[in-house]
Amino acid sequence: METRKRSIVKALVWNAIGLAVMSLVGFVLTGSVATGGFIAVVNTVVGFCMYLGYERVWANIRWGRHV
């Protein structure tokens, strides 16, 4: 089973990567650093919460594990 700390660290790293990519995409699409940054931050917060919950659910599912 995966620990909560590991799940949180994985989610933070993944979302840092997503924040950088989404900031760039938001800037390219809008031409505004502020708007692109806002879009990226909202996406990161929502994505972090969803990813963390998703990881915790799967941490409790035994299917496909070799113990």
N, C-alpha and C. Protein backbone atom coordinates (compact mmCIF):
# COMPACT_ATOMS: atom_id res chain seq x y z
N MET A 1 0.84 -1.18 0.00
CA MET A 1 0.00 0.00 0.00
C MET A 1 0.89 1.25 0.00
N GLU A 2 0.45 2.24 -0.71
CA GLU A 2 1.19 3.49 -0.81
C GLU A 2 0.84 4.40 0.37
N THR A 3 1.84 5.09 0.91
CA THR A 3 1.59 6.00 2.03
C THR A 3 0.97 7.30 1.54
N ARG A 4 0.31 8.00 2.45
CA ARG A 4 -0.27 9.30 2.12
C ARG A 4 0.83 10.29 1.71
N LYS A 5 1.95 10.25 2.40
CA LYS A 5 3.06 11.16 2.09
C LYS A 5 3.54 10.96 0.66
N ARG A 6 3.70 9.71 0.25
CA ARG A 6 4.14 9.42 -1.11
C ARG A 6 3.10 9.92 -2.13
N SER A 7 1.83 9.69 -1.85
CA SER A 7 0.77 10.15 -2.74
C SER A 7 0.80 11.67 -2.88
N ILE A 8 1.01 12.37 -1.78
CA ILE A 8 1.05 13.83 -1.81
C ILE A 8 2.25 14.33 -2.59
N VAL A 9 3.41 13.75 -2.37
CA VAL A 9 4.62 14.16 -3.10
C VAL A 9 4.45 13.91 -4.60
N LYS A 10 3.92 12.75 -4.96
CA LYS A 10 3.68 12.46 -6.38
C LYS A 10 2.72 13.47 -6.98
N ALA A 11 1.66 13.80 -6.26
CA ALA A 11 0.68 14.76 -6.76
C ALA A 11 1.30 16.15 -6.90
N LEU A 12 2.12 16.56 -5.95
CA LEU A 12 2.77 17.88 -6.02
C LEU A 12 3.72 17.98 -7.21
N VAL A 13 4.53 16.96 -7.41
CA VAL A 13 5.47 16.97 -8.54
C VAL A 13 4.71 16.99 -9.87
N TRP A 14 3.72 16.13 -9.98
CA TRP A 14 2.93 16.07 -11.22
C TRP A 14 2.25 17.41 -11.49
N ASN A 15 1.72 18.03 -10.46
CA ASN A 15 1.03 19.30 -10.64
C ASN A 15 1.98 20.46 -10.90
N ALA A 16 3.20 20.40 -10.40
CA ALA A 16 4.20 21.42 -10.73
C ALA A 16 4.51 21.37 -12.22
N ILE A 17 4.64 20.16 -12.74
CA ILE A 17 4.87 20.00 -14.19
C ILE A 17 3.66 20.52 -14.95
N GLY A 18 2.47 20.17 -14.51
CA GLY A 18 1.24 20.62 -15.16
C GLY A 18 1.09 22.13 -15.10
N LEU A 19 1.48 22.74 -13.98
CA LEU A 19 1.39 24.19 -13.84
C LEU A 19 2.28 24.89 -14.87
N ALA A 20 3.49 24.38 -15.04
CA ALA A 20 4.40 24.98 -16.02
C ALA A 20 3.84 24.85 -17.44
N VAL A 21 3.37 23.68 -17.77
CA VAL A 21 2.84 23.44 -19.12
C VAL A 21 1.58 24.27 -19.35
N MET A 22 0.67 24.28 -18.37
CA MET A 22 -0.58 25.02 -18.53
C MET A 22 -0.34 26.52 -18.58
N SER A 23 0.65 27.02 -17.85
CA SER A 23 1.00 28.44 -17.93
C SER A 23 1.42 28.81 -19.33
N LEU A 24 2.25 27.98 -19.92
CA LEU A 24 2.71 28.23 -21.29
C LEU A 24 1.55 28.17 -22.27
N VAL A 25 0.71 27.16 -22.15
CA VAL A 25 -0.44 27.02 -23.05
C VAL A 25 -1.39 28.21 -22.86
N GLY A 26 -1.66 28.57 -21.62
CA GLY A 26 -2.55 29.70 -21.35
C GLY A 26 -2.01 30.99 -21.93
N PHE A 27 -0.71 31.20 -21.80
CA PHE A 27 -0.09 32.40 -22.36
C PHE A 27 -0.17 32.40 -23.89
N VAL A 28 0.15 31.27 -24.50
CA VAL A 28 0.11 31.18 -25.97
C VAL A 28 -1.31 31.42 -26.49
N LEU A 29 -2.30 30.86 -25.82
CA LEU A 29 -3.68 31.00 -26.29
C LEU A 29 -4.29 32.38 -26.03
N THR A 30 -3.88 33.02 -24.92
CA THR A 30 -4.50 34.30 -24.58
C THR A 30 -3.61 35.51 -24.85
N GLY A 31 -2.31 35.30 -24.92
CA GLY A 31 -1.38 36.40 -25.08
C GLY A 31 -1.17 37.19 -23.81
N SER A 32 -1.74 36.73 -22.72
CA SER A 32 -1.64 37.43 -21.44
C SER A 32 -1.01 36.51 -20.39
N VAL A 33 0.04 37.03 -19.76
CA VAL A 33 0.68 36.26 -18.69
C VAL A 33 -0.28 36.10 -17.51
N ALA A 34 -1.00 37.16 -17.17
CA ALA A 34 -1.92 37.12 -16.03
C ALA A 34 -3.06 36.13 -16.26
N THR A 35 -3.68 36.19 -17.42
CA THR A 35 -4.79 35.28 -17.72
C THR A 35 -4.29 33.85 -17.84
N GLY A 36 -3.18 33.67 -18.52
CA GLY A 36 -2.60 32.33 -18.64
C GLY A 36 -2.23 31.76 -17.30
N GLY A 37 -1.67 32.61 -16.43
CA GLY A 37 -1.30 32.17 -15.09
C GLY A 37 -2.50 31.81 -14.25
N PHE A 38 -3.57 32.61 -14.36
CA PHE A 38 -4.80 32.33 -13.62
C PHE A 38 -5.39 30.99 -14.04
N ILE A 39 -5.46 30.77 -15.33
CA ILE A 39 -5.98 29.50 -15.86
C ILE A 39 -5.14 28.34 -15.33
N ALA A 40 -3.82 28.52 -15.34
CA ALA A 40 -2.92 27.46 -14.89
C ALA A 40 -3.10 27.17 -13.40
N VAL A 41 -3.26 28.20 -12.58
CA VAL A 41 -3.41 27.99 -11.14
C VAL A 41 -4.73 27.28 -10.84
N VAL A 42 -5.81 27.70 -11.46
CA VAL A 42 -7.10 27.03 -11.25
C VAL A 42 -7.01 25.57 -11.68
N ASN A 43 -6.43 25.34 -12.84
CA ASN A 43 -6.26 23.97 -13.33
C ASN A 43 -5.41 23.13 -12.37
N THR A 44 -4.37 23.71 -11.81
CA THR A 44 -3.48 22.99 -10.90
C THR A 44 -4.19 22.63 -9.60
N VAL A 45 -4.94 23.56 -9.04
CA VAL A 45 -5.65 23.29 -7.78
C VAL A 45 -6.68 22.19 -7.98
N VAL A 46 -7.48 22.31 -9.02
CA VAL A 46 -8.49 21.28 -9.30
C VAL A 46 -7.82 19.94 -9.60
N GLY A 47 -6.80 19.97 -10.45
CA GLY A 47 -6.09 18.75 -10.81
C GLY A 47 -5.44 18.08 -9.62
N PHE A 48 -4.85 18.86 -8.71
CA PHE A 48 -4.22 18.31 -7.52
C PHE A 48 -5.23 17.56 -6.67
N CYS A 49 -6.36 18.19 -6.42
CA CYS A 49 -7.40 17.55 -5.60
C CYS A 49 -7.91 16.27 -6.24
N MET A 50 -8.15 16.32 -7.53
CA MET A 50 -8.66 15.15 -8.24
C MET A 50 -7.62 14.02 -8.26
N TYR A 51 -6.38 14.36 -8.54
CA TYR A 51 -5.32 13.35 -8.62
C TYR A 51 -5.09 12.69 -7.26
N LEU A 52 -5.06 13.49 -6.21
CA LEU A 52 -4.83 12.95 -4.88
C LEU A 52 -5.94 11.98 -4.49
N GLY A 53 -7.17 12.38 -4.73
CA GLY A 53 -8.29 11.48 -4.45
C GLY A 53 -8.22 10.20 -5.26
N TYR A 54 -7.90 10.34 -6.53
CA TYR A 54 -7.77 9.20 -7.44
C TYR A 54 -6.70 8.23 -6.94
N GLU A 55 -5.55 8.75 -6.56
CA GLU A 55 -4.47 7.91 -6.05
C GLU A 55 -4.87 7.18 -4.78
N ARG A 56 -5.56 7.87 -3.88
CA ARG A 56 -5.96 7.24 -2.62
C ARG A 56 -6.98 6.14 -2.85
N VAL A 57 -7.90 6.34 -3.78
CA VAL A 57 -8.86 5.28 -4.10
C VAL A 57 -8.13 4.06 -4.63
N TRP A 58 -7.24 4.25 -5.58
CA TRP A 58 -6.52 3.13 -6.17
C TRP A 58 -5.57 2.46 -5.17
N ALA A 59 -5.09 3.20 -4.19
CA ALA A 59 -4.22 2.60 -3.17
C ALA A 59 -4.96 1.56 -2.35
N ASN A 60 -6.28 1.65 -2.31
CA ASN A 60 -7.08 0.71 -1.54
C ASN A 60 -7.72 -0.39 -2.38
N ILE A 61 -7.41 -0.46 -3.64
CA ILE A 61 -7.94 -1.50 -4.52
C ILE A 61 -6.87 -2.56 -4.71
N ARG A 62 -7.20 -3.79 -4.39
CA ARG A 62 -6.23 -4.88 -4.49
C ARG A 62 -6.06 -5.45 -5.89
N TRP A 63 -7.04 -5.22 -6.76
CA TRP A 63 -7.03 -5.80 -8.09
C TRP A 63 -5.72 -5.50 -8.82
N GLY A 64 -5.11 -6.52 -9.41
CA GLY A 64 -3.91 -6.35 -10.22
C GLY A 64 -2.61 -6.27 -9.45
N ARG A 65 -2.65 -6.42 -8.15
CA ARG A 65 -1.43 -6.37 -7.34
C ARG A 65 -0.88 -7.78 -7.11
N HIS A 66 0.40 -7.86 -7.08
CA HIS A 66 1.08 -9.11 -6.72
C HIS A 66 1.71 -8.88 -5.37
N VAL A 67 1.22 -9.60 -4.37
CA VAL A 67 1.73 -9.39 -3.01
C VAL A 67 2.61 -10.53 -2.60
